[in-house]
Amino acid sequence: MPSYYELYRISTLGMALTDSLDELIQAGHITPQLAMEVLGQFDKSISEALASKVKAKAVMKGHLHTYRFCDDVWTFIIKNPTFKFDHDSASADKVKIIACNARRPGET
């Protein structure tokens, strides 16, 4: 089975899942091995759902403050970004963008 990026585990949804799994382990309802399988399935499902179901596009402008490339992962820090969507816009002081290779780790 190919592995998937674990980036979405630090999202609000991923953190809630991790907290819930920790509680279930502490209560003795599930094993740590089962919790790891659930997290692996979460990584796969969230990645596939975002790739196939999200069709929104945005235009972003801002100042590129920092960028780095390590282990096939790009990290960008953008200062004062402005995002323009079809019918809306948003801005922030700073945003961090993590971009990974479209091929999952272990895939050829």
N, C-alpha and C. Protein backbone atom coordinates (compact mmCIF):
# COMPACT_ATOMS: atom_id res chain seq x y z
N MET A 1 0.85 -1.19 0.00
CA MET A 1 0.00 0.00 0.00
C MET A 1 0.89 1.24 0.00
N PRO A 2 0.66 2.18 -0.93
CA PRO A 2 1.48 3.39 -0.95
C PRO A 2 1.18 4.25 0.28
N SER A 3 2.19 5.01 0.69
CA SER A 3 1.98 5.91 1.82
C SER A 3 1.50 7.27 1.31
N TYR A 4 0.91 8.04 2.19
CA TYR A 4 0.37 9.35 1.85
C TYR A 4 0.99 10.39 2.76
N TYR A 5 0.96 11.63 2.33
CA TYR A 5 1.46 12.71 3.17
C TYR A 5 0.59 12.82 4.43
N GLU A 6 1.23 13.16 5.53
CA GLU A 6 0.52 13.29 6.80
C GLU A 6 0.21 14.76 7.13
N LEU A 7 0.26 15.63 6.13
CA LEU A 7 0.09 17.07 6.35
C LEU A 7 -1.26 17.44 6.95
N TYR A 8 -2.31 16.72 6.59
CA TYR A 8 -3.65 17.11 7.01
C TYR A 8 -3.94 16.71 8.45
N ARG A 9 -3.02 15.99 9.09
CA ARG A 9 -3.20 15.62 10.49
C ARG A 9 -3.12 16.84 11.41
N ILE A 10 -2.48 17.92 10.93
CA ILE A 10 -2.40 19.13 11.76
C ILE A 10 -3.54 20.11 11.47
N SER A 11 -4.47 19.69 10.60
CA SER A 11 -5.67 20.51 10.37
C SER A 11 -6.59 20.35 11.57
N THR A 12 -7.61 21.18 11.65
CA THR A 12 -8.57 21.09 12.75
C THR A 12 -9.22 19.71 12.78
N LEU A 13 -9.60 19.20 11.61
CA LEU A 13 -10.22 17.88 11.53
C LEU A 13 -9.24 16.78 11.94
N GLY A 14 -8.01 16.87 11.48
CA GLY A 14 -6.99 15.88 11.82
C GLY A 14 -6.66 15.88 13.31
N MET A 15 -6.58 17.07 13.91
CA MET A 15 -6.30 17.17 15.35
C MET A 15 -7.45 16.60 16.17
N ALA A 16 -8.68 16.85 15.74
CA ALA A 16 -9.84 16.31 16.45
C ALA A 16 -9.85 14.78 16.37
N LEU A 17 -9.52 14.25 15.20
CA LEU A 17 -9.44 12.80 15.05
C LEU A 17 -8.35 12.22 15.94
N THR A 18 -7.18 12.83 15.94
CA THR A 18 -6.07 12.36 16.78
C THR A 18 -6.43 12.40 18.26
N ASP A 19 -7.06 13.48 18.69
CA ASP A 19 -7.48 13.58 20.10
C ASP A 19 -8.49 12.49 20.46
N SER A 20 -9.44 12.25 19.56
CA SER A 20 -10.45 11.22 19.81
C SER A 20 -9.82 9.84 19.88
N LEU A 21 -8.89 9.56 18.98
CA LEU A 21 -8.21 8.27 18.99
C LEU A 21 -7.39 8.09 20.26
N ASP A 22 -6.73 9.16 20.70
CA ASP A 22 -5.97 9.10 21.96
C ASP A 22 -6.88 8.76 23.13
N GLU A 23 -8.06 9.38 23.18
CA GLU A 23 -9.01 9.10 24.26
C GLU A 23 -9.47 7.64 24.21
N LEU A 24 -9.72 7.13 23.00
CA LEU A 24 -10.15 5.74 22.87
C LEU A 24 -9.06 4.76 23.31
N ILE A 25 -7.81 5.09 23.00
CA ILE A 25 -6.69 4.26 23.43
C ILE A 25 -6.58 4.28 24.95
N GLN A 26 -6.64 5.48 25.53
CA GLN A 26 -6.52 5.62 26.99
C GLN A 26 -7.64 4.87 27.72
N ALA A 27 -8.83 4.84 27.13
CA ALA A 27 -9.96 4.15 27.74
C ALA A 27 -9.91 2.64 27.49
N GLY A 28 -8.98 2.20 26.66
CA GLY A 28 -8.83 0.77 26.37
C GLY A 28 -9.83 0.24 25.36
N HIS A 29 -10.47 1.13 24.60
CA HIS A 29 -11.46 0.71 23.61
C HIS A 29 -10.83 0.27 22.29
N ILE A 30 -9.67 0.83 21.96
CA ILE A 30 -8.96 0.44 20.73
C ILE A 30 -7.48 0.31 21.04
N THR A 31 -6.76 -0.36 20.15
CA THR A 31 -5.32 -0.52 20.31
C THR A 31 -4.60 0.61 19.57
N PRO A 32 -3.36 0.90 19.94
CA PRO A 32 -2.59 1.90 19.20
C PRO A 32 -2.42 1.52 17.72
N GLN A 33 -2.34 0.24 17.44
CA GLN A 33 -2.20 -0.21 16.05
C GLN A 33 -3.44 0.15 15.23
N LEU A 34 -4.61 -0.02 15.83
CA LEU A 34 -5.84 0.34 15.13
C LEU A 34 -5.90 1.85 14.91
N ALA A 35 -5.47 2.61 15.90
CA ALA A 35 -5.45 4.07 15.75
C ALA A 35 -4.54 4.49 14.59
N MET A 36 -3.40 3.82 14.45
CA MET A 36 -2.49 4.14 13.34
C MET A 36 -3.12 3.79 11.99
N GLU A 37 -3.88 2.68 11.95
CA GLU A 37 -4.58 2.32 10.71
C GLU A 37 -5.63 3.37 10.36
N VAL A 38 -6.34 3.86 11.37
CA VAL A 38 -7.36 4.89 11.14
C VAL A 38 -6.70 6.16 10.61
N LEU A 39 -5.57 6.56 11.20
CA LEU A 39 -4.86 7.76 10.73
C LEU A 39 -4.36 7.57 9.30
N GLY A 40 -3.89 6.37 8.99
CA GLY A 40 -3.45 6.09 7.61
C GLY A 40 -4.60 6.21 6.63
N GLN A 41 -5.76 5.71 7.01
CA GLN A 41 -6.94 5.82 6.14
C GLN A 41 -7.38 7.28 6.01
N PHE A 42 -7.27 8.04 7.11
CA PHE A 42 -7.58 9.48 7.06
C PHE A 42 -6.66 10.18 6.06
N ASP A 43 -5.35 9.90 6.12
CA ASP A 43 -4.40 10.52 5.20
C ASP A 43 -4.80 10.24 3.75
N LYS A 44 -5.14 8.99 3.48
CA LYS A 44 -5.53 8.59 2.12
C LYS A 44 -6.84 9.26 1.70
N SER A 45 -7.85 9.19 2.57
CA SER A 45 -9.17 9.72 2.22
C SER A 45 -9.18 11.22 2.03
N ILE A 46 -8.52 11.96 2.91
CA ILE A 46 -8.52 13.42 2.79
C ILE A 46 -7.76 13.85 1.53
N SER A 47 -6.68 13.17 1.23
CA SER A 47 -5.91 13.49 0.03
C SER A 47 -6.72 13.24 -1.24
N GLU A 48 -7.38 12.08 -1.30
CA GLU A 48 -8.19 11.75 -2.47
C GLU A 48 -9.41 12.66 -2.60
N ALA A 49 -10.04 13.00 -1.48
CA ALA A 49 -11.21 13.88 -1.53
C ALA A 49 -10.84 15.28 -2.02
N LEU A 50 -9.75 15.81 -1.51
CA LEU A 50 -9.33 17.15 -1.94
C LEU A 50 -8.96 17.16 -3.42
N ALA A 51 -8.32 16.09 -3.87
CA ALA A 51 -7.90 16.01 -5.28
C ALA A 51 -9.09 15.87 -6.22
N SER A 52 -10.13 15.16 -5.81
CA SER A 52 -11.23 14.88 -6.73
C SER A 52 -12.45 15.78 -6.55
N LYS A 53 -12.66 16.34 -5.39
CA LYS A 53 -13.90 17.06 -5.13
C LYS A 53 -13.77 18.58 -5.09
N VAL A 54 -12.60 19.11 -4.78
CA VAL A 54 -12.43 20.56 -4.67
C VAL A 54 -12.09 21.12 -6.05
N LYS A 55 -12.96 21.98 -6.54
CA LYS A 55 -12.76 22.57 -7.88
C LYS A 55 -12.57 24.07 -7.83
N ALA A 56 -12.60 24.66 -6.64
CA ALA A 56 -12.47 26.11 -6.50
C ALA A 56 -11.06 26.57 -6.90
N LYS A 57 -10.99 27.74 -7.45
CA LYS A 57 -9.70 28.34 -7.82
C LYS A 57 -9.62 29.73 -7.21
N ALA A 58 -8.41 30.14 -6.93
CA ALA A 58 -8.19 31.46 -6.34
C ALA A 58 -6.95 32.08 -6.98
N VAL A 59 -6.91 33.39 -6.96
CA VAL A 59 -5.72 34.14 -7.38
C VAL A 59 -5.15 34.76 -6.12
N MET A 60 -3.85 34.61 -5.93
CA MET A 60 -3.21 35.13 -4.73
C MET A 60 -2.11 36.11 -5.13
N LYS A 61 -2.05 37.21 -4.39
CA LYS A 61 -0.97 38.18 -4.55
C LYS A 61 -0.42 38.49 -3.17
N GLY A 62 0.87 38.70 -3.09
CA GLY A 62 1.50 39.02 -1.82
C GLY A 62 3.01 39.08 -1.98
N HIS A 63 3.71 39.24 -0.87
CA HIS A 63 5.18 39.32 -0.87
C HIS A 63 5.75 37.99 -0.40
N LEU A 64 6.56 37.36 -1.26
CA LEU A 64 7.21 36.10 -0.89
C LEU A 64 8.30 36.39 0.12
N HIS A 65 8.09 35.99 1.36
CA HIS A 65 9.02 36.26 2.44
C HIS A 65 10.09 35.17 2.53
N THR A 66 9.67 33.90 2.51
CA THR A 66 10.60 32.78 2.67
C THR A 66 10.12 31.62 1.80
N TYR A 67 11.07 30.87 1.25
CA TYR A 67 10.72 29.64 0.56
C TYR A 67 11.83 28.62 0.80
N ARG A 68 11.43 27.35 0.81
CA ARG A 68 12.42 26.28 0.95
C ARG A 68 11.88 25.02 0.28
N PHE A 69 12.82 24.17 -0.13
CA PHE A 69 12.49 22.90 -0.77
C PHE A 69 13.28 21.81 -0.08
N CYS A 70 12.58 20.84 0.52
CA CYS A 70 13.25 19.76 1.24
C CYS A 70 12.40 18.49 1.11
N ASP A 71 13.02 17.40 0.74
CA ASP A 71 12.34 16.11 0.63
C ASP A 71 11.09 16.18 -0.25
N ASP A 72 11.20 16.81 -1.41
CA ASP A 72 10.10 16.95 -2.36
C ASP A 72 8.92 17.76 -1.83
N VAL A 73 9.16 18.61 -0.83
CA VAL A 73 8.10 19.45 -0.27
C VAL A 73 8.55 20.91 -0.32
N TRP A 74 7.74 21.75 -0.96
CA TRP A 74 7.98 23.19 -1.00
C TRP A 74 7.22 23.84 0.15
N THR A 75 7.86 24.79 0.83
CA THR A 75 7.21 25.59 1.86
C THR A 75 7.41 27.06 1.50
N PHE A 76 6.32 27.80 1.44
CA PHE A 76 6.35 29.23 1.12
C PHE A 76 5.70 30.01 2.27
N ILE A 77 6.33 31.10 2.68
CA ILE A 77 5.72 32.03 3.62
C ILE A 77 5.43 33.31 2.82
N ILE A 78 4.16 33.68 2.75
CA ILE A 78 3.72 34.86 1.99
C ILE A 78 3.25 35.91 2.99
N LYS A 79 3.81 37.11 2.90
CA LYS A 79 3.38 38.23 3.76
C LYS A 79 2.33 39.05 3.03
N ASN A 80 1.35 39.53 3.77
CA ASN A 80 0.27 40.37 3.25
C ASN A 80 -0.41 39.79 2.01
N PRO A 81 -0.81 38.52 2.08
CA PRO A 81 -1.46 37.93 0.90
C PRO A 81 -2.90 38.41 0.74
N THR A 82 -3.33 38.49 -0.51
CA THR A 82 -4.71 38.77 -0.85
C THR A 82 -5.17 37.65 -1.76
N PHE A 83 -6.29 37.03 -1.40
CA PHE A 83 -6.85 35.94 -2.20
C PHE A 83 -8.12 36.44 -2.85
N LYS A 84 -8.26 36.20 -4.15
CA LYS A 84 -9.47 36.56 -4.87
C LYS A 84 -10.11 35.29 -5.41
N PHE A 85 -11.37 35.08 -5.02
CA PHE A 85 -12.16 33.94 -5.47
C PHE A 85 -13.19 34.44 -6.47
N ASP A 86 -14.04 33.55 -6.96
CA ASP A 86 -15.04 33.93 -7.94
C ASP A 86 -15.89 35.12 -7.48
N HIS A 87 -16.41 35.05 -6.26
CA HIS A 87 -17.32 36.09 -5.79
C HIS A 87 -16.91 36.68 -4.45
N ASP A 88 -15.66 36.52 -4.07
CA ASP A 88 -15.25 36.94 -2.74
C ASP A 88 -13.74 37.21 -2.74
N SER A 89 -13.27 37.80 -1.67
CA SER A 89 -11.82 37.98 -1.50
C SER A 89 -11.50 37.92 -0.01
N ALA A 90 -10.23 37.66 0.30
CA ALA A 90 -9.78 37.57 1.68
C ALA A 90 -8.33 38.01 1.75
N SER A 91 -7.92 38.48 2.92
CA SER A 91 -6.52 38.87 3.10
C SER A 91 -6.08 38.46 4.49
N ALA A 92 -4.76 38.48 4.72
CA ALA A 92 -4.20 38.09 6.01
C ALA A 92 -2.85 38.79 6.17
N ASP A 93 -2.30 38.70 7.37
CA ASP A 93 -0.96 39.24 7.60
C ASP A 93 0.11 38.34 7.00
N LYS A 94 -0.13 37.02 7.14
CA LYS A 94 0.87 36.05 6.69
C LYS A 94 0.17 34.72 6.43
N VAL A 95 0.64 33.97 5.45
CA VAL A 95 0.13 32.64 5.17
C VAL A 95 1.29 31.71 4.86
N LYS A 96 1.16 30.47 5.30
CA LYS A 96 2.17 29.45 5.02
C LYS A 96 1.55 28.45 4.06
N ILE A 97 2.22 28.22 2.94
CA ILE A 97 1.74 27.27 1.93
C ILE A 97 2.72 26.12 1.87
N ILE A 98 2.19 24.90 1.98
CA ILE A 98 3.01 23.70 1.84
C ILE A 98 2.54 22.98 0.60
N ALA A 99 3.44 22.75 -0.34
CA ALA A 99 3.09 22.11 -1.60
C ALA A 99 3.94 20.86 -1.78
N CYS A 100 3.27 19.76 -2.09
CA CYS A 100 3.94 18.47 -2.23
C CYS A 100 3.83 17.99 -3.67
N ASN A 101 4.72 17.10 -4.02
CA ASN A 101 4.71 16.46 -5.31
C ASN A 101 3.36 15.76 -5.50
N ALA A 102 2.82 15.80 -6.70
CA ALA A 102 1.53 15.16 -6.96
C ALA A 102 1.61 13.66 -6.75
N ARG A 103 2.75 13.06 -7.01
CA ARG A 103 2.93 11.63 -6.73
C ARG A 103 3.11 11.45 -5.23
N ARG A 104 2.44 10.49 -4.67
CA ARG A 104 2.56 10.22 -3.24
C ARG A 104 3.89 9.56 -2.94
N PRO A 105 4.40 9.69 -1.71
CA PRO A 105 5.65 9.03 -1.36
C PRO A 105 5.58 7.54 -1.61
N GLY A 106 6.61 6.98 -2.20
CA GLY A 106 6.65 5.55 -2.48
C GLY A 106 6.08 5.18 -3.84
N GLU A 107 5.41 6.12 -4.51
CA GLU A 107 4.84 5.86 -5.82
C GLU A 107 5.92 6.05 -6.89
N THR A 108 5.83 5.28 -7.95
CA THR A 108 6.79 5.44 -9.05
C THR A 108 6.13 6.04 -10.25
